[in-house]
């Protein structure tokens, strides 16, 4: 017997919000994905993160809004680093000195990710 720990109904709803956001660009649907980064169910957090990373540059306005509002910062920082746009490097450096250790750690990791991408691109 297969045991699933994820709330399948919640995952299906999140998938629906993702499809609506991707198809229409409705920010309210995209904000549901941002909100899911703080879900009690870690699997839903991961799913939301995957959807946002796959949305790449389309996700950036939502992620920037969350960054300004300090909403789910460690996850938002990680997702922005995964998208890989170097324009966030100065913000990550600023946040690497944040008083919240989780935020500071995520920001330091993000700086390293962007640096690694820059070096990989330069050596190709």
PDB file of N, CA and C in Angstrom:
ATOM      1  N   UNK A   1       0.841  -1.169   0.000  1.00  0.00           N
ATOM      2  CA  UNK A   1       0.000   0.000   0.000  1.00  0.00           C
ATOM      3  C   UNK A   1       0.892   1.241   0.000  1.00  0.00           C
ATOM      4  N   UNK A   2       0.550   2.201  -0.838  1.00  0.00           N
ATOM      5  CA  UNK A   2       1.282   3.454  -0.955  1.00  0.00           C
ATOM      6  C   UNK A   2       0.686   4.467   0.018  1.00  0.00           C
ATOM      7  N   UNK A   3       1.543   5.012   0.868  1.00  0.00           N
ATOM      8  CA  UNK A   3       1.096   6.039   1.801  1.00  0.00           C
ATOM      9  C   UNK A   3       1.565   7.394   1.299  1.00  0.00           C
ATOM     10  N   UNK A   4       0.648   8.308   1.154  1.00  0.00           N
ATOM     11  CA  UNK A   4       0.970   9.647   0.686  1.00  0.00           C
ATOM     12  C   UNK A   4       0.772  10.604   1.846  1.00  0.00           C
ATOM     13  N   UNK A   5       1.834  11.325   2.188  1.00  0.00           N
ATOM     14  CA  UNK A   5       1.733  12.249   3.317  1.00  0.00           C
ATOM     15  C   UNK A   5       1.204  13.615   2.876  1.00  0.00           C
ATOM     16  N   UNK A   6       1.296  13.912   1.592  1.00  0.00           N
ATOM     17  CA  UNK A   6       0.850  15.207   1.099  1.00  0.00           C
ATOM     18  C   UNK A   6      -0.675  15.246   1.041  1.00  0.00           C
ATOM     19  N   UNK A   7      -1.216  16.395   1.333  1.00  0.00           N
ATOM     20  CA  UNK A   7      -2.647  16.627   1.172  1.00  0.00           C
ATOM     21  C   UNK A   7      -2.918  16.719  -0.333  1.00  0.00           C
ATOM     22  N   UNK A   8      -3.424  15.633  -0.904  1.00  0.00           N
ATOM     23  CA  UNK A   8      -3.600  15.537  -2.352  1.00  0.00           C
ATOM     24  C   UNK A   8      -4.577  16.597  -2.853  1.00  0.00           C
ATOM     25  N   UNK A   9      -5.638  16.839  -2.111  1.00  0.00           N
ATOM     26  CA  UNK A   9      -6.611  17.854  -2.530  1.00  0.00           C
ATOM     27  C   UNK A   9      -5.968  19.242  -2.557  1.00  0.00           C
ATOM     28  N   UNK A  10      -5.158  19.549  -1.553  1.00  0.00           N
ATOM     29  CA  UNK A  10      -4.475  20.843  -1.516  1.00  0.00           C
ATOM     30  C   UNK A  10      -3.475  20.950  -2.658  1.00  0.00           C
ATOM     31  N   UNK A  11      -2.785  19.858  -2.959  1.00  0.00           N
ATOM     32  CA  UNK A  11      -1.832  19.846  -4.073  1.00  0.00           C
ATOM     33  C   UNK A  11      -2.562  20.056  -5.398  1.00  0.00           C
ATOM     34  N   UNK A  12      -3.714  19.445  -5.552  1.00  0.00           N
ATOM     35  CA  UNK A  12      -4.500  19.602  -6.776  1.00  0.00           C
ATOM     36  C   UNK A  12      -4.975  21.051  -6.916  1.00  0.00           C
ATOM     37  N   UNK A  13      -5.398  21.650  -5.809  1.00  0.00           N
ATOM     38  CA  UNK A  13      -5.810  23.067  -5.846  1.00  0.00           C
ATOM     39  C   UNK A  13      -4.626  23.956  -6.226  1.00  0.00           C
ATOM     40  N   UNK A  14      -3.467  23.668  -5.635  1.00  0.00           N
ATOM     41  CA  UNK A  14      -2.276  24.453  -5.935  1.00  0.00           C
ATOM     42  C   UNK A  14      -1.902  24.318  -7.409  1.00  0.00           C
ATOM     43  N   UNK A  15      -2.016  23.116  -7.932  1.00  0.00           N
ATOM     44  CA  UNK A  15      -1.750  22.887  -9.355  1.00  0.00           C
ATOM     45  C   UNK A  15      -2.718  23.719 -10.198  1.00  0.00           C
ATOM     46  N   UNK A  16      -3.982  23.751  -9.801  1.00  0.00           N
ATOM     47  CA  UNK A  16      -4.980  24.544 -10.524  1.00  0.00           C
ATOM     48  C   UNK A  16      -4.653  26.025 -10.502  1.00  0.00           C
ATOM     49  N   UNK A  17      -4.249  26.542  -9.324  1.00  0.00           N
ATOM     50  CA  UNK A  17      -3.853  27.947  -9.232  1.00  0.00           C
ATOM     51  C   UNK A  17      -2.645  28.219 -10.121  1.00  0.00           C
ATOM     52  N   UNK A  18      -1.704  27.278 -10.146  1.00  0.00           N
ATOM     53  CA  UNK A  18      -0.524  27.426 -10.994  1.00  0.00           C
ATOM     54  C   UNK A  18      -0.930  27.500 -12.462  1.00  0.00           C
ATOM     55  N   UNK A  19      -1.811  26.611 -12.879  1.00  0.00           N
ATOM     56  CA  UNK A  19      -2.242  26.600 -14.285  1.00  0.00           C
ATOM     57  C   UNK A  19      -2.954  27.908 -14.641  1.00  0.00           C
ATOM     58  N   UNK A  20      -3.797  28.395 -13.736  1.00  0.00           N
ATOM     59  CA  UNK A  20      -4.500  29.655 -13.967  1.00  0.00           C
ATOM     60  C   UNK A  20      -3.505  30.806 -14.083  1.00  0.00           C
ATOM     61  N   UNK A  21      -2.541  30.844 -13.181  1.00  0.00           N
ATOM     62  CA  UNK A  21      -1.527  31.898 -13.214  1.00  0.00           C
ATOM     63  C   UNK A  21      -0.694  31.824 -14.495  1.00  0.00           C
ATOM     64  N   UNK A  22      -0.255  30.616 -14.842  1.00  0.00           N
ATOM     65  CA  UNK A  22       0.590  30.460 -16.040  1.00  0.00           C
ATOM     66  C   UNK A  22      -0.182  30.819 -17.311  1.00  0.00           C
ATOM     67  N   UNK A  23      -1.479  30.474 -17.355  1.00  0.00           N
ATOM     68  CA  UNK A  23      -2.280  30.716 -18.564  1.00  0.00           C
ATOM     69  C   UNK A  23      -2.706  32.173 -18.700  1.00  0.00           C
ATOM     70  N   UNK A  24      -3.032  32.818 -17.568  1.00  0.00           N
ATOM     71  CA  UNK A  24      -3.613  34.156 -17.642  1.00  0.00           C
ATOM     72  C   UNK A  24      -2.709  35.253 -17.094  1.00  0.00           C
ATOM     73  N   UNK A  25      -1.750  34.876 -16.272  1.00  0.00           N
ATOM     74  CA  UNK A  25      -0.900  35.871 -15.625  1.00  0.00           C
ATOM     75  C   UNK A  25      -1.586  36.554 -14.456  1.00  0.00           C
ATOM     76  N   UNK A  26      -2.717  36.016 -14.005  1.00  0.00           N
ATOM     77  CA  UNK A  26      -3.464  36.618 -12.899  1.00  0.00           C
ATOM     78  C   UNK A  26      -2.607  36.630 -11.636  1.00  0.00           C
ATOM     79  N   UNK A  27      -2.274  37.826 -11.179  1.00  0.00           N
ATOM     80  CA  UNK A  27      -1.399  37.940 -10.002  1.00  0.00           C
ATOM     81  C   UNK A  27      -2.026  37.321  -8.769  1.00  0.00           C
ATOM     82  N   UNK A  28      -3.340  37.402  -8.652  1.00  0.00           N
ATOM     83  CA  UNK A  28      -3.991  36.815  -7.467  1.00  0.00           C
ATOM     84  C   UNK A  28      -3.771  35.308  -7.428  1.00  0.00           C
ATOM     85  N   UNK A  29      -3.768  34.664  -8.597  1.00  0.00           N
ATOM     86  CA  UNK A  29      -3.493  33.224  -8.653  1.00  0.00           C
ATOM     87  C   UNK A  29      -2.030  32.956  -8.320  1.00  0.00           C
ATOM     88  N   UNK A  30      -1.142  33.811  -8.804  1.00  0.00           N
ATOM     89  CA  UNK A  30       0.280  33.662  -8.497  1.00  0.00           C
ATOM     90  C   UNK A  30       0.574  33.878  -7.028  1.00  0.00           C
ATOM     91  N   UNK A  31      -0.173  34.778  -6.397  1.00  0.00           N
ATOM     92  CA  UNK A  31       0.033  35.025  -4.968  1.00  0.00           C
ATOM     93  C   UNK A  31      -0.328  33.808  -4.123  1.00  0.00           C
ATOM     94  N   UNK A  32      -1.228  32.980  -4.630  1.00  0.00           N
ATOM     95  CA  UNK A  32      -1.547  31.736  -3.919  1.00  0.00           C
ATOM     96  C   UNK A  32      -0.297  30.866  -3.837  1.00  0.00           C
ATOM     97  N   UNK A  33       0.504  30.863  -4.904  1.00  0.00           N
ATOM     98  CA  UNK A  33       1.753  30.093  -4.892  1.00  0.00           C
ATOM     99  C   UNK A  33       2.723  30.676  -3.859  1.00  0.00           C
ATOM    100  N   UNK A  34       2.808  32.001  -3.807  1.00  0.00           N
ATOM    101  CA  UNK A  34       3.671  32.649  -2.807  1.00  0.00           C
ATOM    102  C   UNK A  34       3.195  32.279  -1.408  1.00  0.00           C
ATOM    103  N   UNK A  35       1.884  32.354  -1.181  1.00  0.00           N
ATOM    104  CA  UNK A  35       1.333  32.009   0.142  1.00  0.00           C
ATOM    105  C   UNK A  35       1.632  30.559   0.504  1.00  0.00           C
ATOM    106  N   UNK A  36       1.622  29.676  -0.488  1.00  0.00           N
ATOM    107  CA  UNK A  36       1.867  28.250  -0.231  1.00  0.00           C
ATOM    108  C   UNK A  36       3.298  27.988   0.223  1.00  0.00           C
ATOM    109  N   UNK A  37       4.203  28.936  -0.007  1.00  0.00           N
ATOM    110  CA  UNK A  37       5.574  28.772   0.495  1.00  0.00           C
ATOM    111  C   UNK A  37       5.598  28.718   2.021  1.00  0.00           C
ATOM    112  N   UNK A  38       4.537  29.206   2.650  1.00  0.00           N
ATOM    113  CA  UNK A  38       4.439  29.173   4.105  1.00  0.00           C
ATOM    114  C   UNK A  38       3.457  28.129   4.615  1.00  0.00           C
ATOM    115  N   UNK A  39       3.056  27.200   3.748  1.00  0.00           N
ATOM    116  CA  UNK A  39       2.092  26.162   4.149  1.00  0.00           C
ATOM    117  C   UNK A  39       2.675  25.271   5.238  1.00  0.00           C
ATOM    118  N   UNK A  40       1.792  24.724   6.050  1.00  0.00           N
ATOM    119  CA  UNK A  40       2.227  23.793   7.096  1.00  0.00           C
ATOM    120  C   UNK A  40       2.802  22.517   6.485  1.00  0.00           C
ATOM    121  N   UNK A  41       2.289  22.127   5.340  1.00  0.00           N
ATOM    122  CA  UNK A  41       2.728  20.915   4.649  1.00  0.00           C
ATOM    123  C   UNK A  41       3.963  21.246   3.806  1.00  0.00           C
ATOM    124  N   UNK A  42       5.112  20.683   4.176  1.00  0.00           N
ATOM    125  CA  UNK A  42       6.362  20.954   3.448  1.00  0.00           C
ATOM    126  C   UNK A  42       6.286  20.547   1.985  1.00  0.00           C
ATOM    127  N   UNK A  43       5.534  19.499   1.692  1.00  0.00           N
ATOM    128  CA  UNK A  43       5.398  19.070   0.302  1.00  0.00           C
ATOM    129  C   UNK A  43       4.719  20.148  -0.540  1.00  0.00           C
ATOM    130  N   UNK A  44       3.752  20.839   0.034  1.00  0.00           N
ATOM    131  CA  UNK A  44       3.091  21.936  -0.683  1.00  0.00           C
ATOM    132  C   UNK A  44       4.052  23.102  -0.878  1.00  0.00           C
ATOM    133  N   UNK A  45       4.910  23.354   0.106  1.00  0.00           N
ATOM    134  CA  UNK A  45       5.923  24.401  -0.033  1.00  0.00           C
ATOM    135  C   UNK A  45       6.846  24.085  -1.207  1.00  0.00           C
ATOM    136  N   UNK A  46       7.282  22.839  -1.272  1.00  0.00           N
ATOM    137  CA  UNK A  46       8.182  22.417  -2.350  1.00  0.00           C
ATOM    138  C   UNK A  46       7.489  22.533  -3.698  1.00  0.00           C
ATOM    139  N   UNK A  47       6.243  22.086  -3.766  1.00  0.00           N
ATOM    140  CA  UNK A  47       5.477  22.154  -5.009  1.00  0.00           C
ATOM    141  C   UNK A  47       5.330  23.605  -5.469  1.00  0.00           C
ATOM    142  N   UNK A  48       4.997  24.496  -4.553  1.00  0.00           N
ATOM    143  CA  UNK A  48       4.875  25.917  -4.895  1.00  0.00           C
ATOM    144  C   UNK A  48       6.213  26.459  -5.391  1.00  0.00           C
ATOM    145  N   UNK A  49       7.293  26.069  -4.722  1.00  0.00           N
ATOM    146  CA  UNK A  49       8.616  26.513  -5.151  1.00  0.00           C
ATOM    147  C   UNK A  49       8.955  26.033  -6.554  1.00  0.00           C
ATOM    148  N   UNK A  50       8.629  24.794  -6.847  1.00  0.00           N
ATOM    149  CA  UNK A  50       8.876  24.249  -8.189  1.00  0.00           C
ATOM    150  C   UNK A  50       8.096  25.044  -9.225  1.00  0.00           C
ATOM    151  N   UNK A  51       6.827  25.307  -8.950  1.00  0.00           N
ATOM    152  CA  UNK A  51       6.006  26.069  -9.894  1.00  0.00           C
ATOM    153  C   UNK A  51       6.584  27.465 -10.126  1.00  0.00           C
ATOM    154  N   UNK A  52       7.056  28.109  -9.063  1.00  0.00           N
ATOM    155  CA  UNK A  52       7.610  29.454  -9.201  1.00  0.00           C
ATOM    156  C   UNK A  52       8.932  29.448  -9.961  1.00  0.00           C
ATOM    157  N   UNK A  53       9.782  28.465  -9.697  1.00  0.00           N
ATOM    158  CA  UNK A  53      11.050  28.375 -10.436  1.00  0.00           C
ATOM    159  C   UNK A  53      10.771  28.106 -11.913  1.00  0.00           C
ATOM    160  N   UNK A  54       9.831  27.222 -12.192  1.00  0.00           N
ATOM    161  CA  UNK A  54       9.483  26.945 -13.593  1.00  0.00           C
ATOM    162  C   UNK A  54       8.889  28.160 -14.279  1.00  0.00           C
ATOM    163  N   UNK A  55       8.241  29.023 -13.497  1.00  0.00           N
ATOM    164  CA  UNK A  55       7.691  30.252 -14.065  1.00  0.00           C
ATOM    165  C   UNK A  55       8.770  31.259 -14.416  1.00  0.00           C
ATOM    166  N   UNK A  56       9.962  31.053 -13.883  1.00  0.00           N
ATOM    167  CA  UNK A  56      11.152  31.874 -14.142  1.00  0.00           C
ATOM    168  C   UNK A  56      10.832  33.366 -14.093  1.00  0.00           C
ATOM    169  N   UNK A  57      11.090  34.065 -15.181  1.00  0.00           N
ATOM    170  CA  UNK A  57      10.964  35.525 -15.172  1.00  0.00           C
ATOM    171  C   UNK A  57       9.521  35.984 -14.960  1.00  0.00           C
ATOM    172  N   UNK A  58       8.566  35.148 -15.292  1.00  0.00           N
ATOM    173  CA  UNK A  58       7.169  35.483 -15.032  1.00  0.00           C
ATOM    174  C   UNK A  58       6.901  35.529 -13.520  1.00  0.00           C
ATOM    175  N   UNK A  59       7.674  34.784 -12.762  1.00  0.00           N
ATOM    176  CA  UNK A  59       7.532  34.738 -11.303  1.00  0.00           C
ATOM    177  C   UNK A  59       8.141  35.947 -10.615  1.00  0.00           C
ATOM    178  N   UNK A  60       9.063  36.589 -11.280  1.00  0.00           N
ATOM    179  CA  UNK A  60       9.841  37.636 -10.613  1.00  0.00           C
ATOM    180  C   UNK A  60       9.001  38.750  -9.994  1.00  0.00           C
ATOM    181  N   UNK A  61       7.977  39.288 -10.658  1.00  0.00           N
ATOM    182  CA  UNK A  61       7.191  40.339  -9.987  1.00  0.00           C
ATOM    183  C   UNK A  61       6.544  39.860  -8.681  1.00  0.00           C
ATOM    184  N   UNK A  62       6.069  38.630  -8.670  1.00  0.00           N
ATOM    185  CA  UNK A  62       5.485  38.070  -7.449  1.00  0.00           C
ATOM    186  C   UNK A  62       6.541  37.897  -6.367  1.00  0.00           C
ATOM    187  N   UNK A  63       7.697  37.404  -6.759  1.00  0.00           N
ATOM    188  CA  UNK A  63       8.788  37.180  -5.809  1.00  0.00           C
ATOM    189  C   UNK A  63       9.347  38.502  -5.294  1.00  0.00           C
ATOM    190  N   UNK A  64       9.418  39.508  -6.177  1.00  0.00           N
ATOM    191  CA  UNK A  64       9.882  40.830  -5.748  1.00  0.00           C
ATOM    192  C   UNK A  64       8.912  41.433  -4.739  1.00  0.00           C
ATOM    193  N   UNK A  65       7.624  41.249  -4.981  1.00  0.00           N
ATOM    194  CA  UNK A  65       6.603  41.723  -4.049  1.00  0.00           C
ATOM    195  C   UNK A  65       6.768  41.040  -2.682  1.00  0.00           C
ATOM    196  N   UNK A  66       7.021  39.752  -2.710  1.00  0.00           N
ATOM    197  CA  UNK A  66       7.231  39.006  -1.460  1.00  0.00           C
ATOM    198  C   UNK A  66       8.524  39.455  -0.782  1.00  0.00           C
ATOM    199  N   UNK A  67       9.542  39.753  -1.562  1.00  0.00           N
ATOM    200  CA  UNK A  67      10.823  40.215  -1.017  1.00  0.00           C
ATOM    201  C   UNK A  67      10.628  41.542  -0.282  1.00  0.00           C
ATOM    202  N   UNK A  68       9.939  42.473  -0.910  1.00  0.00           N
ATOM    203  CA  UNK A  68       9.687  43.777  -0.294  1.00  0.00           C
ATOM    204  C   UNK A  68       8.848  43.616   0.971  1.00  0.00           C
ATOM    205  N   UNK A  69       7.866  42.714   0.925  1.00  0.00           N
ATOM    206  CA  UNK A  69       7.005  42.484   2.082  1.00  0.00           C
ATOM    207  C   UNK A  69       7.589  41.533   3.112  1.00  0.00           C
ATOM    208  N   UNK A  70       8.814  41.048   2.847  1.00  0.00           N
ATOM    209  CA  UNK A  70       9.512  40.105   3.743  1.00  0.00           C
ATOM    210  C   UNK A  70       8.660  38.862   4.006  1.00  0.00           C
ATOM    211  N   UNK A  71       7.992  38.398   2.979  1.00  0.00           N
ATOM    212  CA  UNK A  71       7.110  37.243   3.097  1.00  0.00           C
ATOM    213  C   UNK A  71       7.867  35.982   2.685  1.00  0.00           C
ATOM    214  N   UNK A  72       7.988  35.047   3.597  1.00  0.00           N
ATOM    215  CA  UNK A  72       8.658  33.760   3.345  1.00  0.00           C
ATOM    216  C   UNK A  72      10.055  33.982   2.740  1.00  0.00           C
ATOM    217  N   UNK A  73      10.785  34.921   3.319  1.00  0.00           N
ATOM    218  CA  UNK A  73      12.048  35.373   2.732  1.00  0.00           C
ATOM    219  C   UNK A  73      13.057  34.269   2.406  1.00  0.00           C
ATOM    220  N   UNK A  74      13.357  33.346   3.314  1.00  0.00           N
ATOM    221  CA  UNK A  74      14.368  32.351   2.941  1.00  0.00           C
ATOM    222  C   UNK A  74      14.003  31.575   1.662  1.00  0.00           C
ATOM    223  N   UNK A  75      12.742  31.218   1.535  1.00  0.00           N
ATOM    224  CA  UNK A  75      12.315  30.481   0.339  1.00  0.00           C
ATOM    225  C   UNK A  75      12.299  31.375  -0.896  1.00  0.00           C
ATOM    226  N   UNK A  76      11.831  32.605  -0.729  1.00  0.00           N
ATOM    227  CA  UNK A  76      11.792  33.544  -1.853  1.00  0.00           C
ATOM    228  C   UNK A  76      13.207  33.817  -2.363  1.00  0.00           C
ATOM    229  N   UNK A  77      14.140  34.018  -1.461  1.00  0.00           N
ATOM    230  CA  UNK A  77      15.538  34.262  -1.837  1.00  0.00           C
ATOM    231  C   UNK A  77      16.088  33.058  -2.600  1.00  0.00           C
ATOM    232  N   UNK A  78      15.826  31.863  -2.095  1.00  0.00           N
ATOM    233  CA  UNK A  78      16.314  30.645  -2.743  1.00  0.00           C
ATOM    234  C   UNK A  78      15.732  30.496  -4.145  1.00  0.00           C
ATOM    235  N   UNK A  79      14.463  30.780  -4.302  1.00  0.00           N
ATOM    236  CA  UNK A  79      13.820  30.663  -5.614  1.00  0.00           C
ATOM    237  C   UNK A  79      14.406  31.682  -6.586  1.00  0.00           C
ATOM    238  N   UNK A  80      14.591  32.925  -6.124  1.00  0.00           N
ATOM    239  CA  UNK A  80      15.196  33.935  -7.000  1.00  0.00           C
ATOM    240  C   UNK A  80      16.609  33.523  -7.415  1.00  0.00           C
ATOM    241  N   UNK A  81      17.361  32.949  -6.496  1.00  0.00           N
ATOM    242  CA  UNK A  81      18.707  32.470  -6.850  1.00  0.00           C
ATOM    243  C   UNK A  81      18.620  31.341  -7.866  1.00  0.00           C
ATOM    244  N   UNK A  82      17.651  30.444  -7.696  1.00  0.00           N
ATOM    245  CA  UNK A  82      17.481  29.345  -8.650  1.00  0.00           C
ATOM    246  C   UNK A  82      17.120  29.860 -10.040  1.00  0.00           C
ATOM    247  N   UNK A  83      16.336  30.936 -10.101  1.00  0.00           N
ATOM    248  CA  UNK A  83      16.010  31.547 -11.400  1.00  0.00           C
ATOM    249  C   UNK A  83      17.277  32.109 -12.023  1.00  0.00           C
ATOM    250  N   UNK A  84      18.161  32.668 -11.181  1.00  0.00           N
ATOM    251  CA  UNK A  84      19.514  32.991 -11.612  1.00  0.00           C
ATOM    252  C   UNK A  84      19.766  34.364 -12.191  1.00  0.00           C
ATOM    253  N   UNK A  85      18.906  35.328 -11.969  1.00  0.00           N
ATOM    254  CA  UNK A  85      19.140  36.665 -12.502  1.00  0.00           C
ATOM    255  C   UNK A  85      20.075  37.430 -11.567  1.00  0.00           C
ATOM    256  N   UNK A  86      21.208  37.854 -12.095  1.00  0.00           N
ATOM    257  CA  UNK A  86      22.232  38.531 -11.297  1.00  0.00           C
ATOM    258  C   UNK A  86      21.780  39.891 -10.770  1.00  0.00           C
ATOM    259  N   UNK A  87      20.671  40.427 -11.264  1.00  0.00           N
ATOM    260  CA  UNK A  87      20.214  41.739 -10.797  1.00  0.00           C
ATOM    261  C   UNK A  87      19.852  41.733  -9.306  1.00  0.00           C
ATOM    262  N   UNK A  88      19.668  40.541  -8.732  1.00  0.00           N
ATOM    263  CA  UNK A  88      19.322  40.446  -7.312  1.00  0.00           C
ATOM    264  C   UNK A  88      20.551  40.333  -6.410  1.00  0.00           C
ATOM    265  N   UNK A  89      21.728  40.290  -6.993  1.00  0.00           N
ATOM    266  CA  UNK A  89      22.948  40.077  -6.220  1.00  0.00           C
ATOM    267  C   UNK A  89      23.133  41.120  -5.120  1.00  0.00           C
ATOM    268  N   UNK A  90      22.914  42.389  -5.435  1.00  0.00           N
ATOM    269  CA  UNK A  90      23.110  43.424  -4.411  1.00  0.00           C
ATOM    270  C   UNK A  90      22.077  43.278  -3.286  1.00  0.00           C
ATOM    271  N   UNK A  91      20.847  42.912  -3.625  1.00  0.00           N
ATOM    272  CA  UNK A  91      19.822  42.701  -2.592  1.00  0.00           C
ATOM    273  C   UNK A  91      20.189  41.496  -1.720  1.00  0.00           C
ATOM    274  N   UNK A  92      20.709  40.439  -2.348  1.00  0.00           N
ATOM    275  CA  UNK A  92      21.123  39.263  -1.580  1.00  0.00           C
ATOM    276  C   UNK A  92      22.279  39.618  -0.648  1.00  0.00           C
ATOM    277  N   UNK A  93      23.207  40.416  -1.129  1.00  0.00           N
ATOM    278  CA  UNK A  93      24.331  40.830  -0.283  1.00  0.00           C
ATOM    279  C   UNK A  93      23.833  41.647   0.915  1.00  0.00           C
ATOM    280  N   UNK A  94      22.865  42.524   0.677  1.00  0.00           N
ATOM    281  CA  UNK A  94      22.286  43.304   1.772  1.00  0.00           C
ATOM    282  C   UNK A  94      21.591  42.383   2.767  1.00  0.00           C
ATOM    283  N   UNK A  95      20.829  41.425   2.260  1.00  0.00           N
ATOM    284  CA  UNK A  95      20.088  40.515   3.132  1.00  0.00           C
ATOM    285  C   UNK A  95      20.997  39.518   3.846  1.00  0.00           C
ATOM    286  N   UNK A  96      22.222  39.354   3.360  1.00  0.00           N
ATOM    287  CA  UNK A  96      23.148  38.428   4.022  1.00  0.00           C
ATOM    288  C   UNK A  96      23.557  38.951   5.407  1.00  0.00           C
ATOM    289  N   UNK A  97      23.238  40.204   5.676  1.00  0.00           N
ATOM    290  CA  UNK A  97      23.514  40.806   6.993  1.00  0.00           C
ATOM    291  C   UNK A  97      22.233  40.948   7.820  1.00  0.00           C
ATOM    292  N   UNK A  98      21.152  40.325   7.374  1.00  0.00           N
ATOM    293  CA  UNK A  98      19.862  40.423   8.064  1.00  0.00           C
ATOM    294  C   UNK A  98      19.958  39.850   9.470  1.00  0.00           C
ATOM    295  N   UNK A  99      19.165  40.385  10.369  1.00  0.00           N
ATOM    296  CA  UNK A  99      19.162  39.914  11.754  1.00  0.00           C
ATOM    297  C   UNK A  99      18.547  38.523  11.903  1.00  0.00           C
ATOM    298  N   UNK A 100      17.688  38.150  10.972  1.00  0.00           N
ATOM    299  CA  UNK A 100      17.098  36.812  10.992  1.00  0.00           C
ATOM    300  C   UNK A 100      18.124  35.840  10.398  1.00  0.00           C
ATOM    301  N   UNK A 101      18.631  34.886  11.186  1.00  0.00           N
ATOM    302  CA  UNK A 101      19.678  33.987  10.687  1.00  0.00           C
ATOM    303  C   UNK A 101      19.241  33.169   9.468  1.00  0.00           C
ATOM    304  N   UNK A 102      17.978  32.796   9.394  1.00  0.00           N
ATOM    305  CA  UNK A 102      17.504  32.014   8.241  1.00  0.00           C
ATOM    306  C   UNK A 102      17.561  32.854   6.968  1.00  0.00           C
ATOM    307  N   UNK A 103      17.204  34.116   7.079  1.00  0.00           N
ATOM    308  CA  UNK A 103      17.255  35.022   5.930  1.00  0.00           C
ATOM    309  C   UNK A 103      18.709  35.257   5.523  1.00  0.00           C
ATOM    310  N   UNK A 104      19.556  35.541   6.497  1.00  0.00           N
ATOM    311  CA  UNK A 104      20.969  35.794   6.204  1.00  0.00           C
ATOM    312  C   UNK A 104      21.632  34.578   5.563  1.00  0.00           C
ATOM    313  N   UNK A 105      21.344  33.385   6.061  1.00  0.00           N
ATOM    314  CA  UNK A 105      21.913  32.157   5.484  1.00  0.00           C
ATOM    315  C   UNK A 105      21.437  31.954   4.055  1.00  0.00           C
ATOM    316  N   UNK A 106      20.131  32.139   3.823  1.00  0.00           N
ATOM    317  CA  UNK A 106      19.592  31.966   2.469  1.00  0.00           C
ATOM    318  C   UNK A 106      20.211  32.977   1.514  1.00  0.00           C
ATOM    319  N   UNK A 107      20.401  34.204   1.982  1.00  0.00           N
ATOM    320  CA  UNK A 107      20.993  35.241   1.134  1.00  0.00           C
ATOM    321  C   UNK A 107      22.454  34.927   0.811  1.00  0.00           C
ATOM    322  N   UNK A 108      23.202  34.455   1.796  1.00  0.00           N
ATOM    323  CA  UNK A 108      24.608  34.081   1.535  1.00  0.00           C
ATOM    324  C   UNK A 108      24.672  32.929   0.535  1.00  0.00           C
ATOM    325  N   UNK A 109      23.788  31.963   0.697  1.00  0.00           N
ATOM    326  CA  UNK A 109      23.739  30.853  -0.263  1.00  0.00           C
ATOM    327  C   UNK A 109      23.383  31.362  -1.664  1.00  0.00           C
ATOM    328  N   UNK A 110      22.452  32.306  -1.733  1.00  0.00           N
ATOM    329  CA  UNK A 110      22.038  32.860  -3.021  1.00  0.00           C
ATOM    330  C   UNK A 110      23.198  33.575  -3.719  1.00  0.00           C
ATOM    331  N   UNK A 111      23.987  34.314  -2.942  1.00  0.00           N
ATOM    332  CA  UNK A 111      25.162  34.990  -3.518  1.00  0.00           C
ATOM    333  C   UNK A 111      26.112  33.945  -4.096  1.00  0.00           C
ATOM    334  N   UNK A 112      26.331  32.859  -3.360  1.00  0.00           N
ATOM    335  CA  UNK A 112      27.219  31.789  -3.855  1.00  0.00           C
ATOM    336  C   UNK A 112      26.665  31.151  -5.130  1.00  0.00           C
ATOM    337  N   UNK A 113      25.359  30.942  -5.185  1.00  0.00           N
ATOM    338  CA  UNK A 113      24.738  30.346  -6.378  1.00  0.00           C
ATOM    339  C   UNK A 113      24.933  31.258  -7.588  1.00  0.00           C
ATOM    340  N   UNK A 114      24.675  32.537  -7.398  1.00  0.00           N
ATOM    341  CA  UNK A 114      24.835  33.467  -8.523  1.00  0.00           C
ATOM    342  C   UNK A 114      26.293  33.571  -8.958  1.00  0.00           C
ATOM    343  N   UNK A 115      27.222  33.550  -7.993  1.00  0.00           N
ATOM    344  CA  UNK A 115      28.649  33.581  -8.333  1.00  0.00           C
ATOM    345  C   UNK A 115      29.045  32.327  -9.111  1.00  0.00           C
ATOM    346  N   UNK A 116      28.567  31.183  -8.674  1.00  0.00           N
ATOM    347  CA  UNK A 116      28.875  29.922  -9.376  1.00  0.00           C
ATOM    348  C   UNK A 116      28.331  29.954 -10.796  1.00  0.00           C
ATOM    349  N   UNK A 117      27.141  30.492 -10.968  1.00  0.00           N
ATOM    350  CA  UNK A 117      26.561  30.588 -12.320  1.00  0.00           C
ATOM    351  C   UNK A 117      27.393  31.524 -13.185  1.00  0.00           C
ATOM    352  N   UNK A 118      27.837  32.631 -12.586  1.00  0.00           N
ATOM    353  CA  UNK A 118      28.649  33.602 -13.334  1.00  0.00           C
ATOM    354  C   UNK A 118      29.960  32.975 -13.785  1.00  0.00           C
ATOM    355  N   UNK A 119      30.604  32.239 -12.873  1.00  0.00           N
ATOM    356  CA  UNK A 119      31.871  31.585 -13.211  1.00  0.00           C
ATOM    357  C   UNK A 119      31.656  30.489 -14.253  1.00  0.00           C
ATOM    358  N   UNK A 120      30.578  29.746 -14.142  1.00  0.00           N
ATOM    359  CA  UNK A 120      30.297  28.693 -15.120  1.00  0.00           C
ATOM    360  C   UNK A 120      30.052  29.288 -16.501  1.00  0.00           C
ATOM    361  N   UNK A 121      29.340  30.405 -16.541  1.00  0.00           N
ATOM    362  CA  UNK A 121      29.064  31.053 -17.820  1.00  0.00           C
ATOM    363  C   UNK A 121      30.354  31.618 -18.426  1.00  0.00           C
ATOM    364  N   UNK A 122      31.241  32.143 -17.577  1.00  0.00           N
ATOM    365  CA  UNK A 122      32.485  32.726 -18.059  1.00  0.00           C
ATOM    366  C   UNK A 122      33.444  31.661 -18.581  1.00  0.00           C
ATOM    367  N   UNK A 123      33.363  30.462 -18.034  1.00  0.00           N
ATOM    368  CA  UNK A 123      34.287  29.403 -18.456  1.00  0.00           C
ATOM    369  C   UNK A 123      33.749  28.570 -19.620  1.00  0.00           C
ATOM    370  N   UNK A 124      32.523  28.839 -20.048  1.00  0.00           N
ATOM    371  CA  UNK A 124      31.985  28.078 -21.195  1.00  0.00           C
ATOM    372  C   UNK A 124      32.307  28.717 -22.506  1.00  0.00           C
TER     373      UNK A 124
END
